[in-house]
Amino acid sequence: MKRTKGFVKFYSRVDYFSTDVELVDVVVKNIQLLKGENVIFKDVKPTISPNLAKYTNTDETRKKAVNHLRKTIYVAFIFDLSHILIKNLLIRVLYLKRILISATN
């Protein structure tokens, strides 16, 4: 099977997504190692990460933050793939339209 540029791009993105999901799974499994003393995660500094610094320092808050990251990755992947699929569909529709116009002339 010939691998087109679109095919390679699609599978590359799927591979990146799989890696992102694996990374989040590792973070979830090691969440206690990331626990900060006075902040939600180690090395969170209010000047660098003001939004994370506002979170309460609890196990539940850490779980919610990491699960939000996981959901964000899934949504971004779906959004990205939908754009690829819509773009490819549009290209095919325009190509078919050109063929039909040529056939009627």
N, C-alpha and C. Protein backbone atom coordinates (compact mmCIF):
# COMPACT_ATOMS: atom_id res chain seq x y z
N MET A 1 0.83 -1.18 0.00
CA MET A 1 0.00 0.00 0.00
C MET A 1 0.89 1.25 0.00
N LYS A 2 0.56 2.17 -0.87
CA LYS A 2 1.33 3.41 -0.96
C LYS A 2 0.98 4.31 0.22
N ARG A 3 2.01 4.85 0.83
CA ARG A 3 1.81 5.74 1.97
C ARG A 3 1.88 7.19 1.49
N THR A 4 0.74 7.82 1.47
CA THR A 4 0.69 9.21 1.04
C THR A 4 1.13 10.12 2.19
N LYS A 5 1.35 11.36 1.86
CA LYS A 5 1.74 12.35 2.86
C LYS A 5 0.66 12.46 3.94
N GLY A 6 -0.60 12.46 3.52
CA GLY A 6 -1.71 12.53 4.47
C GLY A 6 -1.77 11.32 5.38
N PHE A 7 -1.51 10.14 4.82
CA PHE A 7 -1.50 8.90 5.58
C PHE A 7 -0.42 8.94 6.67
N VAL A 8 0.77 9.35 6.28
CA VAL A 8 1.89 9.43 7.23
C VAL A 8 1.58 10.48 8.31
N LYS A 9 1.03 11.60 7.91
CA LYS A 9 0.69 12.67 8.86
C LYS A 9 -0.35 12.18 9.87
N PHE A 10 -1.37 11.49 9.37
CA PHE A 10 -2.43 10.97 10.23
C PHE A 10 -1.86 10.00 11.26
N TYR A 11 -1.10 9.02 10.81
CA TYR A 11 -0.56 8.03 11.73
C TYR A 11 0.48 8.62 12.66
N SER A 12 1.18 9.64 12.23
CA SER A 12 2.12 10.32 13.10
C SER A 12 1.37 11.00 14.25
N ARG A 13 0.26 11.63 13.92
CA ARG A 13 -0.53 12.30 14.97
C ARG A 13 -1.13 11.29 15.93
N VAL A 14 -1.58 10.16 15.42
CA VAL A 14 -2.11 9.11 16.29
C VAL A 14 -1.01 8.63 17.24
N ASP A 15 0.20 8.48 16.74
CA ASP A 15 1.32 8.04 17.55
C ASP A 15 1.64 9.08 18.63
N TYR A 16 1.67 10.36 18.28
CA TYR A 16 1.90 11.42 19.26
C TYR A 16 0.82 11.41 20.33
N PHE A 17 -0.42 11.22 19.92
CA PHE A 17 -1.52 11.18 20.87
C PHE A 17 -1.34 10.02 21.84
N SER A 18 -0.99 8.86 21.32
CA SER A 18 -0.77 7.69 22.18
C SER A 18 0.32 7.96 23.20
N THR A 19 1.37 8.63 22.77
CA THR A 19 2.46 8.99 23.67
C THR A 19 1.97 9.96 24.75
N ASP A 20 1.16 10.94 24.36
CA ASP A 20 0.62 11.89 25.34
C ASP A 20 -0.24 11.19 26.38
N VAL A 21 -1.07 10.25 25.94
CA VAL A 21 -1.92 9.50 26.87
C VAL A 21 -1.06 8.66 27.81
N GLU A 22 -0.03 8.02 27.28
CA GLU A 22 0.87 7.25 28.13
C GLU A 22 1.53 8.14 29.18
N LEU A 23 1.93 9.34 28.76
CA LEU A 23 2.56 10.27 29.70
C LEU A 23 1.61 10.65 30.83
N VAL A 24 0.37 10.96 30.49
CA VAL A 24 -0.61 11.31 31.52
C VAL A 24 -0.84 10.12 32.45
N ASP A 25 -0.89 8.91 31.90
CA ASP A 25 -1.06 7.71 32.74
C ASP A 25 0.09 7.57 33.73
N VAL A 26 1.31 7.85 33.27
CA VAL A 26 2.48 7.79 34.16
C VAL A 26 2.35 8.85 35.26
N VAL A 27 1.92 10.03 34.88
CA VAL A 27 1.75 11.12 35.87
C VAL A 27 0.70 10.71 36.90
N VAL A 28 -0.41 10.13 36.45
CA VAL A 28 -1.46 9.69 37.37
C VAL A 28 -0.91 8.65 38.35
N LYS A 29 -0.16 7.69 37.84
CA LYS A 29 0.38 6.63 38.71
C LYS A 29 1.42 7.14 39.69
N ASN A 30 2.07 8.25 39.35
CA ASN A 30 3.13 8.80 40.21
C ASN A 30 2.75 10.14 40.82
N ILE A 31 1.47 10.38 40.93
CA ILE A 31 1.00 11.70 41.36
C ILE A 31 1.51 12.08 42.76
N GLN A 32 1.69 11.09 43.63
CA GLN A 32 2.18 11.39 44.98
C GLN A 32 3.63 11.89 44.95
N LEU A 33 4.38 11.46 43.96
CA LEU A 33 5.76 11.94 43.83
C LEU A 33 5.83 13.41 43.44
N LEU A 34 4.74 13.91 42.85
CA LEU A 34 4.68 15.30 42.40
C LEU A 34 4.12 16.23 43.47
N LYS A 35 3.71 15.67 44.58
CA LYS A 35 3.07 16.43 45.65
C LYS A 35 4.02 17.49 46.22
N GLY A 36 3.52 18.71 46.28
CA GLY A 36 4.31 19.79 46.86
C GLY A 36 4.06 19.90 48.35
N GLU A 37 4.93 20.65 49.04
CA GLU A 37 4.74 20.82 50.49
C GLU A 37 3.62 21.81 50.79
N ASN A 38 3.65 22.96 50.14
CA ASN A 38 2.63 23.99 50.38
C ASN A 38 1.81 24.30 49.14
N VAL A 39 2.14 23.65 48.03
CA VAL A 39 1.45 23.90 46.76
C VAL A 39 1.02 22.57 46.16
N ILE A 40 0.15 22.63 45.16
CA ILE A 40 -0.44 21.42 44.57
C ILE A 40 0.61 20.46 44.02
N PHE A 41 1.63 20.99 43.35
CA PHE A 41 2.69 20.16 42.78
C PHE A 41 4.05 20.74 43.15
N LYS A 42 5.06 19.88 43.18
CA LYS A 42 6.44 20.34 43.43
C LYS A 42 6.81 21.41 42.42
N ASP A 43 7.60 22.34 42.86
CA ASP A 43 8.17 23.39 42.01
C ASP A 43 7.16 24.35 41.42
N VAL A 44 5.93 24.36 41.93
CA VAL A 44 4.97 25.37 41.50
C VAL A 44 5.29 26.64 42.27
N LYS A 45 5.60 27.69 41.52
CA LYS A 45 5.93 28.98 42.13
C LYS A 45 4.90 30.00 41.67
N PRO A 46 4.33 30.76 42.60
CA PRO A 46 3.28 31.72 42.24
C PRO A 46 3.68 32.70 41.14
N THR A 47 4.94 33.04 41.04
CA THR A 47 5.36 33.99 40.01
C THR A 47 5.41 33.34 38.63
N ILE A 48 5.67 32.05 38.58
CA ILE A 48 5.78 31.34 37.30
C ILE A 48 4.46 30.67 36.92
N SER A 49 3.78 30.08 37.90
CA SER A 49 2.52 29.36 37.65
C SER A 49 1.43 29.88 38.58
N PRO A 50 0.97 31.11 38.36
CA PRO A 50 0.01 31.70 39.30
C PRO A 50 -1.32 30.93 39.37
N ASN A 51 -1.76 30.33 38.27
CA ASN A 51 -3.02 29.60 38.30
C ASN A 51 -2.89 28.31 39.11
N LEU A 52 -1.81 27.57 38.91
CA LEU A 52 -1.61 26.35 39.69
C LEU A 52 -1.38 26.67 41.17
N ALA A 53 -0.76 27.79 41.44
CA ALA A 53 -0.49 28.18 42.83
C ALA A 53 -1.77 28.46 43.61
N LYS A 54 -2.85 28.77 42.91
CA LYS A 54 -4.13 29.05 43.57
C LYS A 54 -4.83 27.78 44.05
N TYR A 55 -4.50 26.63 43.48
CA TYR A 55 -5.16 25.38 43.84
C TYR A 55 -4.81 24.97 45.26
N THR A 56 -5.77 24.33 45.92
CA THR A 56 -5.49 23.82 47.26
C THR A 56 -4.60 22.59 47.15
N ASN A 57 -3.81 22.37 48.17
CA ASN A 57 -2.83 21.29 48.17
C ASN A 57 -3.46 20.02 48.75
N THR A 58 -4.32 19.37 47.93
CA THR A 58 -4.95 18.12 48.36
C THR A 58 -4.80 17.07 47.27
N ASP A 59 -4.92 15.81 47.69
CA ASP A 59 -4.86 14.71 46.71
C ASP A 59 -5.98 14.82 45.70
N GLU A 60 -7.17 15.21 46.16
CA GLU A 60 -8.32 15.33 45.26
C GLU A 60 -8.10 16.42 44.21
N THR A 61 -7.53 17.54 44.59
CA THR A 61 -7.25 18.61 43.64
C THR A 61 -6.22 18.18 42.61
N ARG A 62 -5.20 17.45 43.06
CA ARG A 62 -4.20 16.94 42.13
C ARG A 62 -4.84 16.00 41.11
N LYS A 63 -5.69 15.10 41.59
CA LYS A 63 -6.38 14.17 40.69
C LYS A 63 -7.23 14.92 39.66
N LYS A 64 -7.96 15.93 40.14
CA LYS A 64 -8.80 16.71 39.23
C LYS A 64 -7.96 17.44 38.18
N ALA A 65 -6.83 18.00 38.59
CA ALA A 65 -5.97 18.73 37.65
C ALA A 65 -5.41 17.79 36.58
N VAL A 66 -4.96 16.62 36.99
CA VAL A 66 -4.39 15.66 36.03
C VAL A 66 -5.48 15.09 35.13
N ASN A 67 -6.66 14.82 35.69
CA ASN A 67 -7.76 14.32 34.85
C ASN A 67 -8.23 15.38 33.85
N HIS A 68 -8.16 16.64 34.25
CA HIS A 68 -8.50 17.72 33.32
C HIS A 68 -7.49 17.74 32.17
N LEU A 69 -6.23 17.55 32.49
CA LEU A 69 -5.19 17.48 31.46
C LEU A 69 -5.47 16.32 30.51
N ARG A 70 -5.83 15.17 31.05
CA ARG A 70 -6.14 14.01 30.23
C ARG A 70 -7.31 14.31 29.28
N LYS A 71 -8.38 14.90 29.81
CA LYS A 71 -9.54 15.24 28.97
C LYS A 71 -9.16 16.25 27.90
N THR A 72 -8.31 17.20 28.25
CA THR A 72 -7.87 18.21 27.28
C THR A 72 -7.10 17.55 26.14
N ILE A 73 -6.28 16.57 26.46
CA ILE A 73 -5.53 15.86 25.42
C ILE A 73 -6.49 15.11 24.49
N TYR A 74 -7.48 14.45 25.07
CA TYR A 74 -8.46 13.73 24.24
C TYR A 74 -9.23 14.69 23.33
N VAL A 75 -9.68 15.80 23.87
CA VAL A 75 -10.43 16.77 23.08
C VAL A 75 -9.56 17.34 21.96
N ALA A 76 -8.32 17.67 22.28
CA ALA A 76 -7.42 18.21 21.27
C ALA A 76 -7.19 17.20 20.15
N PHE A 77 -7.07 15.94 20.50
CA PHE A 77 -6.87 14.89 19.50
C PHE A 77 -8.09 14.77 18.59
N ILE A 78 -9.27 14.74 19.19
CA ILE A 78 -10.51 14.65 18.40
C ILE A 78 -10.64 15.86 17.48
N PHE A 79 -10.35 17.04 18.01
CA PHE A 79 -10.43 18.27 17.22
C PHE A 79 -9.45 18.22 16.05
N ASP A 80 -8.22 17.80 16.34
CA ASP A 80 -7.18 17.72 15.32
C ASP A 80 -7.57 16.72 14.22
N LEU A 81 -8.02 15.55 14.61
CA LEU A 81 -8.41 14.54 13.61
C LEU A 81 -9.62 14.98 12.80
N SER A 82 -10.57 15.65 13.45
CA SER A 82 -11.74 16.10 12.71
C SER A 82 -11.34 17.10 11.63
N HIS A 83 -10.37 17.95 11.92
CA HIS A 83 -9.89 18.89 10.91
C HIS A 83 -9.22 18.17 9.74
N ILE A 84 -8.44 17.15 10.06
CA ILE A 84 -7.80 16.36 9.00
C ILE A 84 -8.86 15.69 8.13
N LEU A 85 -9.83 15.06 8.78
CA LEU A 85 -10.86 14.34 8.03
C LEU A 85 -11.73 15.28 7.19
N ILE A 86 -12.10 16.41 7.77
CA ILE A 86 -12.92 17.39 7.03
C ILE A 86 -12.13 17.95 5.85
N LYS A 87 -10.86 18.25 6.08
CA LYS A 87 -10.03 18.78 5.00
C LYS A 87 -9.93 17.77 3.86
N ASN A 88 -9.67 16.51 4.21
CA ASN A 88 -9.56 15.47 3.18
C ASN A 88 -10.88 15.24 2.47
N LEU A 89 -11.97 15.29 3.20
CA LEU A 89 -13.29 15.14 2.60
C LEU A 89 -13.57 16.29 1.63
N LEU A 90 -13.24 17.51 2.04
CA LEU A 90 -13.46 18.67 1.20
C LEU A 90 -12.63 18.57 -0.08
N ILE A 91 -11.39 18.14 0.04
CA ILE A 91 -10.54 17.97 -1.15
C ILE A 91 -11.17 16.96 -2.10
N ARG A 92 -11.66 15.85 -1.57
CA ARG A 92 -12.28 14.83 -2.42
C ARG A 92 -13.56 15.33 -3.07
N VAL A 93 -14.36 16.09 -2.34
CA VAL A 93 -15.60 16.64 -2.90
C VAL A 93 -15.28 17.61 -4.03
N LEU A 94 -14.28 18.47 -3.81
CA LEU A 94 -13.90 19.43 -4.85
C LEU A 94 -13.33 18.71 -6.08
N TYR A 95 -12.58 17.65 -5.84
CA TYR A 95 -12.03 16.86 -6.94
C TYR A 95 -13.16 16.20 -7.72
N LEU A 96 -14.13 15.62 -7.02
CA LEU A 96 -15.28 15.00 -7.67
C LEU A 96 -16.09 16.04 -8.45
N LYS A 97 -16.25 17.21 -7.88
CA LYS A 97 -16.98 18.29 -8.57
C LYS A 97 -16.28 18.65 -9.87
N ARG A 98 -14.95 18.74 -9.82
CA ARG A 98 -14.18 19.06 -11.03
C ARG A 98 -14.34 17.98 -12.11
N ILE A 99 -14.36 16.73 -11.68
CA ILE A 99 -14.55 15.63 -12.61
C ILE A 99 -15.95 15.70 -13.25
N LEU A 100 -16.94 15.96 -12.42
CA LEU A 100 -18.31 16.03 -12.94
C LEU A 100 -18.49 17.22 -13.89
N ILE A 101 -17.89 18.35 -13.57
CA ILE A 101 -17.96 19.52 -14.46
C ILE A 101 -17.26 19.22 -15.78
N SER A 102 -16.10 18.58 -15.70
CA SER A 102 -15.36 18.22 -16.92
C SER A 102 -16.16 17.22 -17.77
N ALA A 103 -16.84 16.31 -17.13
CA ALA A 103 -17.60 15.29 -17.85
C ALA A 103 -18.83 15.89 -18.56
N THR A 104 -19.37 16.98 -18.02
CA THR A 104 -20.55 17.56 -18.64
C THR A 104 -20.19 18.52 -19.78
N ASN A 105 -18.93 18.89 -19.89
CA ASN A 105 -18.52 19.82 -20.96
C ASN A 105 -18.15 19.10 -22.22
